[in-house]
C-alpha cells in the first residue's frame, strides 16, 4: 500500500510542468495555492534541492501569506497564516526529512494537522506513507538539468482531481 500511496506512476489525471527557474516554480505554486481550501493535503516529494520549498513559497503566497517561508527541517513544522480573502486559515509546512518512523510521527501530532481546518503541506511524505490519508495531492519534483525541474501533480481522490481541473482551466484558459 505504501508504494501505491506515493507512486509516481503517471495516471490520466496527472499534470506535468517543466519549470525553468525557482521563480517559475514559485509562480506555479502561487497559482495552485490560490485554489486551496481548508482541509487540503499536499505531499511534496523530490531530492534535496529539487525545489519543494520554492513551490511551497509560491503556495503560501497564493494563499495570501507574505512572510518568510523556510524549510522546517529541524523544527519539523512551521505555521503560516493565509490572508483574510482565504479565511485566515493556517498553513502547516511540515518537513519529515529527519523523522525516523511512524512512532515518531505520533509524538508530533501530524494526524491532527492534516485533519485540521488548515492547509497541510508535507515535504518528504515517504517517511510517513503508511500513516497518510489516501486522498491528497502528491507533487513530485525531479531534476532535469541544473536549472530545469519536472513538476508532476498527481491527484488522489475526487477533491484533488477537481482541484487540478480548475487549476488547468485557470492556467491554460
N, C-alpha and C. Protein backbone atom coordinates (compact mmCIF):
# COMPACT_ATOMS: atom_id res chain seq x y z
N UNK A 1 0.82 -1.19 0.00
CA UNK A 1 0.00 0.00 0.00
C UNK A 1 0.86 1.26 0.00
N UNK A 2 1.99 1.22 0.70
CA UNK A 2 2.86 2.38 0.73
C UNK A 2 3.31 2.76 -0.67
N UNK A 3 3.71 1.77 -1.47
CA UNK A 3 4.15 2.06 -2.83
C UNK A 3 3.02 2.66 -3.65
N UNK A 4 1.81 2.14 -3.48
CA UNK A 4 0.67 2.65 -4.22
C UNK A 4 0.33 4.08 -3.78
N UNK A 5 0.42 4.33 -2.49
CA UNK A 5 0.08 5.65 -1.95
C UNK A 5 0.94 6.75 -2.56
N UNK A 6 2.23 6.53 -2.64
CA UNK A 6 3.14 7.57 -3.11
C UNK A 6 3.76 7.22 -4.46
N UNK A 7 3.07 6.44 -5.24
CA UNK A 7 3.57 6.05 -6.55
C UNK A 7 3.69 7.26 -7.47
N UNK A 8 4.79 7.30 -8.20
CA UNK A 8 5.00 8.38 -9.16
C UNK A 8 4.58 7.96 -10.56
N UNK A 9 3.94 6.79 -10.69
CA UNK A 9 3.46 6.34 -12.00
C UNK A 9 2.37 7.28 -12.48
N UNK A 10 2.45 7.66 -13.73
CA UNK A 10 1.51 8.63 -14.28
C UNK A 10 0.13 8.02 -14.51
N UNK A 11 -0.90 8.81 -14.23
CA UNK A 11 -2.28 8.44 -14.50
C UNK A 11 -2.88 9.48 -15.44
N UNK A 12 -4.05 9.21 -16.01
CA UNK A 12 -4.68 10.20 -16.92
C UNK A 12 -5.03 11.52 -16.25
N UNK A 13 -5.11 11.54 -14.93
CA UNK A 13 -5.48 12.77 -14.21
C UNK A 13 -4.28 13.64 -13.84
N UNK A 14 -3.07 13.11 -14.03
CA UNK A 14 -1.86 13.82 -13.63
C UNK A 14 -1.59 15.00 -14.56
N UNK A 15 -0.81 15.94 -14.03
CA UNK A 15 -0.44 17.13 -14.80
C UNK A 15 1.05 17.35 -14.61
N UNK A 16 1.78 17.49 -15.71
CA UNK A 16 3.22 17.72 -15.68
C UNK A 16 3.56 19.13 -16.13
N UNK A 17 4.55 19.71 -15.47
CA UNK A 17 5.10 21.01 -15.86
C UNK A 17 6.61 20.87 -15.92
N UNK A 18 7.23 21.71 -16.72
CA UNK A 18 8.67 21.89 -16.68
C UNK A 18 8.91 23.31 -16.19
N UNK A 19 9.63 23.42 -15.09
CA UNK A 19 9.98 24.73 -14.56
C UNK A 19 11.42 25.02 -14.95
N UNK A 20 11.66 26.25 -15.40
CA UNK A 20 12.98 26.64 -15.86
C UNK A 20 13.76 27.46 -14.82
N UNK A 21 13.13 27.72 -13.66
CA UNK A 21 13.80 28.52 -12.64
C UNK A 21 13.04 28.41 -11.31
N UNK A 22 13.71 28.75 -10.19
CA UNK A 22 13.00 28.80 -8.92
C UNK A 22 11.81 29.76 -8.95
N UNK A 23 11.96 30.90 -9.66
CA UNK A 23 10.84 31.85 -9.75
C UNK A 23 9.65 31.25 -10.48
N UNK A 24 9.89 30.49 -11.52
CA UNK A 24 8.81 29.85 -12.24
C UNK A 24 8.14 28.78 -11.36
N UNK A 25 8.93 28.05 -10.58
CA UNK A 25 8.39 27.07 -9.64
C UNK A 25 7.48 27.77 -8.64
N UNK A 26 7.90 28.91 -8.14
CA UNK A 26 7.07 29.67 -7.20
C UNK A 26 5.78 30.15 -7.86
N UNK A 27 5.85 30.56 -9.13
CA UNK A 27 4.64 31.02 -9.83
C UNK A 27 3.64 29.87 -10.01
N UNK A 28 4.12 28.68 -10.29
CA UNK A 28 3.24 27.51 -10.38
C UNK A 28 2.59 27.28 -9.01
N UNK A 29 3.39 27.36 -7.95
CA UNK A 29 2.86 27.20 -6.60
C UNK A 29 1.82 28.26 -6.26
N UNK A 30 2.07 29.50 -6.69
CA UNK A 30 1.14 30.60 -6.44
C UNK A 30 -0.22 30.29 -7.05
N UNK A 31 -0.22 29.86 -8.30
CA UNK A 31 -1.49 29.55 -8.99
C UNK A 31 -2.23 28.42 -8.30
N UNK A 32 -1.48 27.44 -7.83
CA UNK A 32 -2.08 26.32 -7.12
C UNK A 32 -2.59 26.76 -5.74
N UNK A 33 -1.77 27.49 -5.02
CA UNK A 33 -2.13 27.93 -3.68
C UNK A 33 -3.40 28.75 -3.64
N UNK A 34 -3.61 29.56 -4.65
CA UNK A 34 -4.81 30.40 -4.72
C UNK A 34 -6.09 29.56 -4.70
N UNK A 35 -6.00 28.30 -5.14
CA UNK A 35 -7.18 27.43 -5.24
C UNK A 35 -7.39 26.53 -4.03
N UNK A 36 -6.44 26.51 -3.12
CA UNK A 36 -6.54 25.60 -1.98
C UNK A 36 -7.56 26.08 -0.96
N UNK A 37 -8.04 25.13 -0.17
CA UNK A 37 -9.02 25.45 0.86
C UNK A 37 -8.72 24.64 2.11
N UNK A 38 -9.36 25.01 3.19
CA UNK A 38 -9.17 24.32 4.48
C UNK A 38 -9.37 22.83 4.30
N UNK A 39 -8.46 22.06 4.89
CA UNK A 39 -8.54 20.61 4.83
C UNK A 39 -7.72 19.98 3.73
N UNK A 40 -7.15 20.80 2.83
CA UNK A 40 -6.36 20.24 1.74
C UNK A 40 -5.02 19.71 2.24
N UNK A 41 -4.59 18.61 1.63
CA UNK A 41 -3.34 17.95 1.98
C UNK A 41 -2.50 17.79 0.72
N UNK A 42 -1.31 18.38 0.73
CA UNK A 42 -0.38 18.26 -0.39
C UNK A 42 0.89 17.59 0.09
N UNK A 43 1.32 16.56 -0.63
CA UNK A 43 2.54 15.83 -0.31
C UNK A 43 3.57 16.16 -1.37
N UNK A 44 4.75 16.62 -0.95
CA UNK A 44 5.79 17.04 -1.90
C UNK A 44 7.01 16.14 -1.77
N UNK A 45 7.31 15.44 -2.86
CA UNK A 45 8.45 14.53 -2.91
C UNK A 45 9.49 15.06 -3.88
N UNK A 46 10.73 14.70 -3.61
CA UNK A 46 11.83 15.08 -4.50
C UNK A 46 13.13 15.10 -3.74
N UNK A 47 14.23 15.00 -4.47
CA UNK A 47 15.54 15.02 -3.85
C UNK A 47 15.80 16.36 -3.16
N UNK A 48 16.83 16.37 -2.31
CA UNK A 48 17.27 17.64 -1.73
C UNK A 48 17.58 18.60 -2.87
N UNK A 49 17.09 19.82 -2.76
CA UNK A 49 17.35 20.84 -3.76
C UNK A 49 16.48 20.77 -5.00
N UNK A 50 15.48 19.92 -5.01
CA UNK A 50 14.62 19.78 -6.20
C UNK A 50 13.63 20.92 -6.36
N UNK A 51 13.39 21.69 -5.29
CA UNK A 51 12.50 22.84 -5.41
C UNK A 51 11.24 22.77 -4.56
N UNK A 52 11.17 21.82 -3.64
CA UNK A 52 9.96 21.66 -2.81
C UNK A 52 9.65 22.94 -2.03
N UNK A 53 10.65 23.52 -1.41
CA UNK A 53 10.41 24.72 -0.61
C UNK A 53 10.05 25.91 -1.50
N UNK A 54 10.62 26.01 -2.68
CA UNK A 54 10.24 27.09 -3.61
C UNK A 54 8.77 26.95 -4.00
N UNK A 55 8.34 25.73 -4.26
CA UNK A 55 6.93 25.52 -4.60
C UNK A 55 6.04 25.91 -3.42
N UNK A 56 6.45 25.55 -2.21
CA UNK A 56 5.68 25.89 -1.01
C UNK A 56 5.65 27.40 -0.80
N UNK A 57 6.74 28.09 -1.09
CA UNK A 57 6.73 29.57 -1.01
C UNK A 57 5.63 30.12 -1.90
N UNK A 58 5.54 29.61 -3.12
CA UNK A 58 4.51 30.06 -4.05
C UNK A 58 3.12 29.72 -3.56
N UNK A 59 2.94 28.52 -3.02
CA UNK A 59 1.64 28.11 -2.49
C UNK A 59 1.20 29.05 -1.36
N UNK A 60 2.13 29.33 -0.45
CA UNK A 60 1.82 30.23 0.67
C UNK A 60 1.45 31.62 0.16
N UNK A 61 2.17 32.12 -0.85
CA UNK A 61 1.85 33.42 -1.44
C UNK A 61 0.47 33.39 -2.09
N UNK A 62 0.14 32.27 -2.74
CA UNK A 62 -1.17 32.13 -3.38
C UNK A 62 -2.30 32.15 -2.37
N UNK A 63 -1.99 31.76 -1.14
CA UNK A 63 -2.97 31.81 -0.05
C UNK A 63 -2.94 33.16 0.68
N UNK A 64 -2.12 34.08 0.18
CA UNK A 64 -2.09 35.42 0.76
C UNK A 64 -1.09 35.63 1.87
N UNK A 65 -0.24 34.66 2.16
CA UNK A 65 0.78 34.82 3.19
C UNK A 65 1.96 35.56 2.59
N UNK A 66 2.44 36.63 3.26
CA UNK A 66 3.53 37.40 2.68
C UNK A 66 4.79 37.43 3.54
N UNK A 67 4.89 36.56 4.52
CA UNK A 67 6.07 36.49 5.36
C UNK A 67 7.10 35.50 4.84
N UNK A 68 8.14 35.27 5.63
CA UNK A 68 9.18 34.33 5.21
C UNK A 68 8.68 32.89 5.21
N UNK A 69 9.16 32.11 4.26
CA UNK A 69 8.86 30.68 4.17
C UNK A 69 10.20 29.96 4.11
N UNK A 70 10.46 29.15 5.12
CA UNK A 70 11.70 28.38 5.18
C UNK A 70 11.37 26.93 5.50
N UNK A 71 12.23 26.04 5.07
CA UNK A 71 12.00 24.62 5.33
C UNK A 71 12.18 24.34 6.82
N UNK A 72 11.20 23.69 7.44
CA UNK A 72 11.28 23.41 8.88
C UNK A 72 12.02 22.11 9.19
N UNK A 73 13.19 21.92 8.59
CA UNK A 73 13.92 20.66 8.74
C UNK A 73 14.20 20.31 10.19
N UNK A 74 14.54 21.27 11.01
CA UNK A 74 14.90 20.98 12.40
C UNK A 74 13.74 21.13 13.37
N UNK A 75 12.77 21.98 13.05
CA UNK A 75 11.63 22.17 13.95
C UNK A 75 10.44 21.31 13.54
N UNK A 76 10.50 20.68 12.38
CA UNK A 76 9.50 19.78 11.79
C UNK A 76 8.28 20.49 11.21
N UNK A 77 7.75 21.52 11.90
CA UNK A 77 6.52 22.16 11.42
C UNK A 77 6.65 23.68 11.56
N UNK A 78 6.39 24.39 10.47
CA UNK A 78 6.22 25.84 10.51
C UNK A 78 4.75 26.12 10.23
N UNK A 79 4.22 27.11 10.92
CA UNK A 79 2.83 27.50 10.68
C UNK A 79 2.80 28.93 10.16
N UNK A 80 2.10 29.11 9.05
CA UNK A 80 1.88 30.42 8.45
C UNK A 80 0.37 30.67 8.50
N UNK A 81 -0.05 31.85 8.12
CA UNK A 81 -1.47 32.18 8.16
C UNK A 81 -1.88 32.81 6.83
N UNK A 82 -2.94 32.26 6.22
CA UNK A 82 -3.48 32.81 4.97
C UNK A 82 -4.07 34.19 5.25
N UNK A 83 -4.31 34.95 4.20
CA UNK A 83 -4.90 36.28 4.37
C UNK A 83 -6.41 36.19 4.58
N UNK A 84 -7.03 37.34 4.78
CA UNK A 84 -8.47 37.42 5.04
C UNK A 84 -9.27 36.82 3.89
N UNK A 85 -8.85 37.08 2.65
CA UNK A 85 -9.57 36.55 1.49
C UNK A 85 -9.62 35.02 1.49
N UNK A 86 -8.66 34.40 2.16
CA UNK A 86 -8.61 32.93 2.26
C UNK A 86 -9.00 32.46 3.67
N UNK A 87 -9.72 33.29 4.38
CA UNK A 87 -10.27 32.90 5.68
C UNK A 87 -9.28 32.81 6.82
N UNK A 88 -8.08 33.39 6.63
CA UNK A 88 -7.04 33.35 7.67
C UNK A 88 -6.75 31.93 8.15
N UNK A 89 -6.96 30.95 7.26
CA UNK A 89 -6.72 29.56 7.66
C UNK A 89 -5.23 29.33 7.88
N UNK A 90 -4.90 28.41 8.79
CA UNK A 90 -3.49 28.09 8.99
C UNK A 90 -2.93 27.31 7.81
N UNK A 91 -1.66 27.54 7.53
CA UNK A 91 -0.91 26.80 6.52
C UNK A 91 0.18 26.07 7.28
N UNK A 92 0.13 24.76 7.29
CA UNK A 92 1.13 23.96 8.00
C UNK A 92 2.15 23.44 7.01
N UNK A 93 3.39 23.81 7.22
CA UNK A 93 4.52 23.40 6.38
C UNK A 93 5.32 22.40 7.20
N UNK A 94 5.26 21.14 6.78
CA UNK A 94 5.86 20.05 7.54
C UNK A 94 7.04 19.48 6.74
N UNK A 95 8.14 19.22 7.42
CA UNK A 95 9.30 18.59 6.79
C UNK A 95 9.64 17.33 7.58
N UNK A 96 9.45 16.17 6.96
CA UNK A 96 9.66 14.89 7.65
C UNK A 96 11.04 14.29 7.37
N UNK A 97 11.95 15.06 6.81
CA UNK A 97 13.26 14.54 6.44
C UNK A 97 13.97 13.86 7.62
N UNK A 98 13.86 14.42 8.79
CA UNK A 98 14.56 13.87 9.95
C UNK A 98 13.73 12.91 10.79
N UNK A 99 12.51 12.64 10.36
CA UNK A 99 11.65 11.71 11.10
C UNK A 99 12.05 10.28 10.76
N UNK A 100 12.19 9.45 11.79
CA UNK A 100 12.69 8.10 11.56
C UNK A 100 11.60 7.05 11.38
N UNK A 101 10.37 7.37 11.71
CA UNK A 101 9.32 6.37 11.51
C UNK A 101 7.98 6.81 12.03
N UNK A 102 6.99 5.93 11.87
CA UNK A 102 5.61 6.23 12.24
C UNK A 102 5.49 6.49 13.75
N UNK A 103 6.28 5.81 14.57
CA UNK A 103 6.22 6.01 16.01
C UNK A 103 6.54 7.46 16.37
N UNK A 104 7.55 8.01 15.72
CA UNK A 104 7.93 9.41 15.99
C UNK A 104 6.83 10.37 15.52
N UNK A 105 6.11 10.00 14.48
CA UNK A 105 5.02 10.86 13.99
C UNK A 105 3.94 11.06 15.04
N UNK A 106 3.66 10.02 15.81
CA UNK A 106 2.62 10.12 16.84
C UNK A 106 2.95 11.20 17.86
N UNK A 107 4.23 11.40 18.13
CA UNK A 107 4.63 12.38 19.14
C UNK A 107 4.49 13.82 18.65
N UNK A 108 4.47 14.03 17.32
CA UNK A 108 4.35 15.41 16.83
C UNK A 108 2.92 15.77 16.45
N UNK A 109 1.99 14.81 16.49
CA UNK A 109 0.58 15.09 16.22
C UNK A 109 0.29 15.41 14.76
N UNK A 110 1.00 14.77 13.85
CA UNK A 110 0.82 15.06 12.43
C UNK A 110 -0.61 14.80 11.96
N UNK A 111 -1.23 13.75 12.48
CA UNK A 111 -2.61 13.44 12.06
C UNK A 111 -3.57 14.56 12.44
N UNK A 112 -3.32 15.23 13.56
CA UNK A 112 -4.17 16.35 13.96
C UNK A 112 -4.04 17.52 12.99
N UNK A 113 -2.86 17.68 12.42
CA UNK A 113 -2.62 18.78 11.49
C UNK A 113 -3.36 18.55 10.19
N UNK A 114 -3.25 17.36 9.58
CA UNK A 114 -3.93 17.16 8.30
C UNK A 114 -5.42 16.98 8.45
N UNK A 115 -5.90 16.77 9.68
CA UNK A 115 -7.33 16.69 9.91
C UNK A 115 -7.90 18.05 10.34
N UNK A 116 -7.05 19.05 10.43
CA UNK A 116 -7.47 20.37 10.90
C UNK A 116 -8.14 21.17 9.79
N UNK A 117 -8.51 22.37 10.12
CA UNK A 117 -9.15 23.27 9.16
C UNK A 117 -8.11 24.15 8.47
N UNK A 118 -6.91 23.64 8.32
CA UNK A 118 -5.88 24.37 7.61
C UNK A 118 -5.49 23.64 6.34
N UNK A 119 -4.47 24.17 5.68
CA UNK A 119 -3.85 23.52 4.53
C UNK A 119 -2.57 22.89 5.04
N UNK A 120 -2.35 21.63 4.71
CA UNK A 120 -1.16 20.92 5.18
C UNK A 120 -0.27 20.57 4.00
N UNK A 121 0.98 21.02 4.06
CA UNK A 121 1.98 20.81 3.01
C UNK A 121 3.11 19.99 3.62
N UNK A 122 3.32 18.77 3.14
CA UNK A 122 4.29 17.87 3.76
C UNK A 122 5.42 17.55 2.79
N UNK A 123 6.64 17.95 3.17
CA UNK A 123 7.83 17.55 2.43
C UNK A 123 8.31 16.21 2.98
N UNK A 124 8.85 15.37 2.12
CA UNK A 124 9.35 14.04 2.46
C UNK A 124 8.24 13.14 3.02
N UNK A 125 7.09 13.06 2.34
CA UNK A 125 5.99 12.24 2.86
C UNK A 125 6.30 10.74 2.88
N UNK A 126 7.32 10.33 2.16
CA UNK A 126 7.71 8.92 2.15
C UNK A 126 8.02 8.41 3.56
N UNK A 127 8.45 9.31 4.42
CA UNK A 127 8.80 8.94 5.80
C UNK A 127 7.56 8.56 6.62
N UNK A 128 6.37 8.91 6.10
CA UNK A 128 5.12 8.66 6.84
C UNK A 128 4.06 8.02 5.97
N UNK A 129 4.46 7.43 4.85
CA UNK A 129 3.50 6.95 3.85
C UNK A 129 2.42 6.05 4.44
N UNK A 130 2.78 5.17 5.35
CA UNK A 130 1.81 4.23 5.91
C UNK A 130 0.75 4.92 6.75
N UNK A 131 1.05 6.12 7.24
CA UNK A 131 0.12 6.83 8.12
C UNK A 131 -0.70 7.91 7.42
N UNK A 132 -0.40 8.20 6.17
CA UNK A 132 -1.05 9.32 5.48
C UNK A 132 -2.40 8.93 4.88
N UNK A 133 -3.32 9.90 4.80
CA UNK A 133 -4.61 9.64 4.16
C UNK A 133 -4.44 9.30 2.69
N UNK A 134 -5.34 8.49 2.16
CA UNK A 134 -5.27 8.10 0.76
C UNK A 134 -5.60 9.26 -0.18
N UNK A 135 -6.44 10.20 0.27
CA UNK A 135 -6.81 11.34 -0.57
C UNK A 135 -5.88 12.51 -0.29
N UNK A 136 -5.22 12.99 -1.35
CA UNK A 136 -4.25 14.08 -1.25
C UNK A 136 -3.83 14.47 -2.66
N UNK A 137 -3.06 15.52 -2.75
CA UNK A 137 -2.40 15.87 -4.00
C UNK A 137 -0.93 15.58 -3.80
N UNK A 138 -0.41 14.63 -4.56
CA UNK A 138 1.01 14.28 -4.47
C UNK A 138 1.74 15.05 -5.57
N UNK A 139 2.78 15.76 -5.18
CA UNK A 139 3.57 16.55 -6.11
C UNK A 139 5.00 16.03 -6.07
N UNK A 140 5.49 15.60 -7.23
CA UNK A 140 6.85 15.09 -7.32
C UNK A 140 7.68 16.06 -8.15
N UNK A 141 8.76 16.55 -7.56
CA UNK A 141 9.68 17.44 -8.25
C UNK A 141 10.95 16.65 -8.56
N UNK A 142 11.42 16.73 -9.79
CA UNK A 142 12.63 15.98 -10.15
C UNK A 142 13.52 16.82 -11.06
N UNK A 143 14.83 16.56 -10.95
CA UNK A 143 15.82 17.26 -11.74
C UNK A 143 15.72 16.85 -13.20
N UNK A 144 15.84 17.84 -14.07
CA UNK A 144 16.06 17.58 -15.49
C UNK A 144 17.46 18.07 -15.84
N UNK A 145 17.77 19.27 -15.35
CA UNK A 145 19.11 19.83 -15.52
C UNK A 145 19.36 20.80 -14.36
N UNK A 146 20.47 21.48 -14.42
CA UNK A 146 20.82 22.41 -13.34
C UNK A 146 19.72 23.43 -13.06
N UNK A 147 19.05 23.91 -14.10
CA UNK A 147 18.02 24.93 -13.92
C UNK A 147 16.61 24.43 -14.15
N UNK A 148 16.43 23.25 -14.72
CA UNK A 148 15.09 22.75 -15.04
C UNK A 148 14.65 21.66 -14.08
N UNK A 149 13.34 21.72 -13.75
CA UNK A 149 12.73 20.70 -12.90
C UNK A 149 11.41 20.25 -13.54
N UNK A 150 11.11 18.97 -13.39
CA UNK A 150 9.78 18.48 -13.76
C UNK A 150 8.94 18.52 -12.49
N UNK A 151 7.74 19.03 -12.62
CA UNK A 151 6.80 19.07 -11.51
C UNK A 151 5.58 18.26 -11.95
N UNK A 152 5.35 17.15 -11.30
CA UNK A 152 4.20 16.30 -11.63
C UNK A 152 3.18 16.40 -10.49
N UNK A 153 1.96 16.83 -10.84
CA UNK A 153 0.85 16.94 -9.89
C UNK A 153 -0.03 15.71 -10.07
N UNK A 154 -0.18 14.93 -8.99
CA UNK A 154 -0.91 13.67 -9.07
C UNK A 154 -2.06 13.67 -8.06
N UNK A 155 -3.28 13.87 -8.54
CA UNK A 155 -4.42 13.91 -7.62
C UNK A 155 -4.82 12.51 -7.18
N UNK A 156 -5.08 12.37 -5.90
CA UNK A 156 -5.57 11.12 -5.34
C UNK A 156 -6.88 11.42 -4.63
N UNK A 157 -7.97 11.14 -5.31
CA UNK A 157 -9.30 11.42 -4.77
C UNK A 157 -10.01 12.50 -5.56
N UNK A 158 -11.34 12.51 -5.44
CA UNK A 158 -12.19 13.42 -6.21
C UNK A 158 -11.85 14.89 -5.96
N UNK A 159 -11.67 15.29 -4.72
CA UNK A 159 -11.37 16.70 -4.41
C UNK A 159 -10.15 17.17 -5.21
N UNK A 160 -9.13 16.34 -5.28
CA UNK A 160 -7.88 16.75 -5.91
C UNK A 160 -7.95 16.64 -7.44
N UNK A 161 -8.76 15.75 -7.97
CA UNK A 161 -8.99 15.74 -9.42
C UNK A 161 -9.73 17.02 -9.82
N UNK A 162 -10.73 17.42 -9.03
CA UNK A 162 -11.45 18.66 -9.30
C UNK A 162 -10.53 19.88 -9.18
N UNK A 163 -9.67 19.85 -8.18
CA UNK A 163 -8.71 20.94 -7.98
C UNK A 163 -7.83 21.09 -9.22
N UNK A 164 -7.32 19.99 -9.75
CA UNK A 164 -6.46 20.07 -10.93
C UNK A 164 -7.24 20.48 -12.17
N UNK A 165 -8.49 20.10 -12.26
CA UNK A 165 -9.32 20.54 -13.39
C UNK A 165 -9.44 22.06 -13.36
N UNK A 166 -9.74 22.62 -12.20
CA UNK A 166 -9.84 24.08 -12.05
C UNK A 166 -8.50 24.74 -12.31
N UNK A 167 -7.43 24.15 -11.79
CA UNK A 167 -6.08 24.67 -11.99
C UNK A 167 -5.76 24.75 -13.48
N UNK A 168 -6.06 23.69 -14.24
CA UNK A 168 -5.80 23.68 -15.68
C UNK A 168 -6.62 24.75 -16.39
N UNK A 169 -7.91 24.88 -16.01
CA UNK A 169 -8.78 25.87 -16.64
C UNK A 169 -8.27 27.28 -16.40
N UNK A 170 -7.84 27.57 -15.18
CA UNK A 170 -7.37 28.92 -14.85
C UNK A 170 -5.98 29.20 -15.41
N UNK A 171 -5.17 28.16 -15.55
CA UNK A 171 -3.80 28.34 -16.04
C UNK A 171 -3.75 28.40 -17.55
N UNK A 172 -4.53 27.56 -18.20
CA UNK A 172 -4.44 27.44 -19.66
C UNK A 172 -5.66 27.99 -20.40
N UNK A 173 -6.67 28.42 -19.65
CA UNK A 173 -7.85 29.03 -20.26
C UNK A 173 -8.76 28.06 -20.81
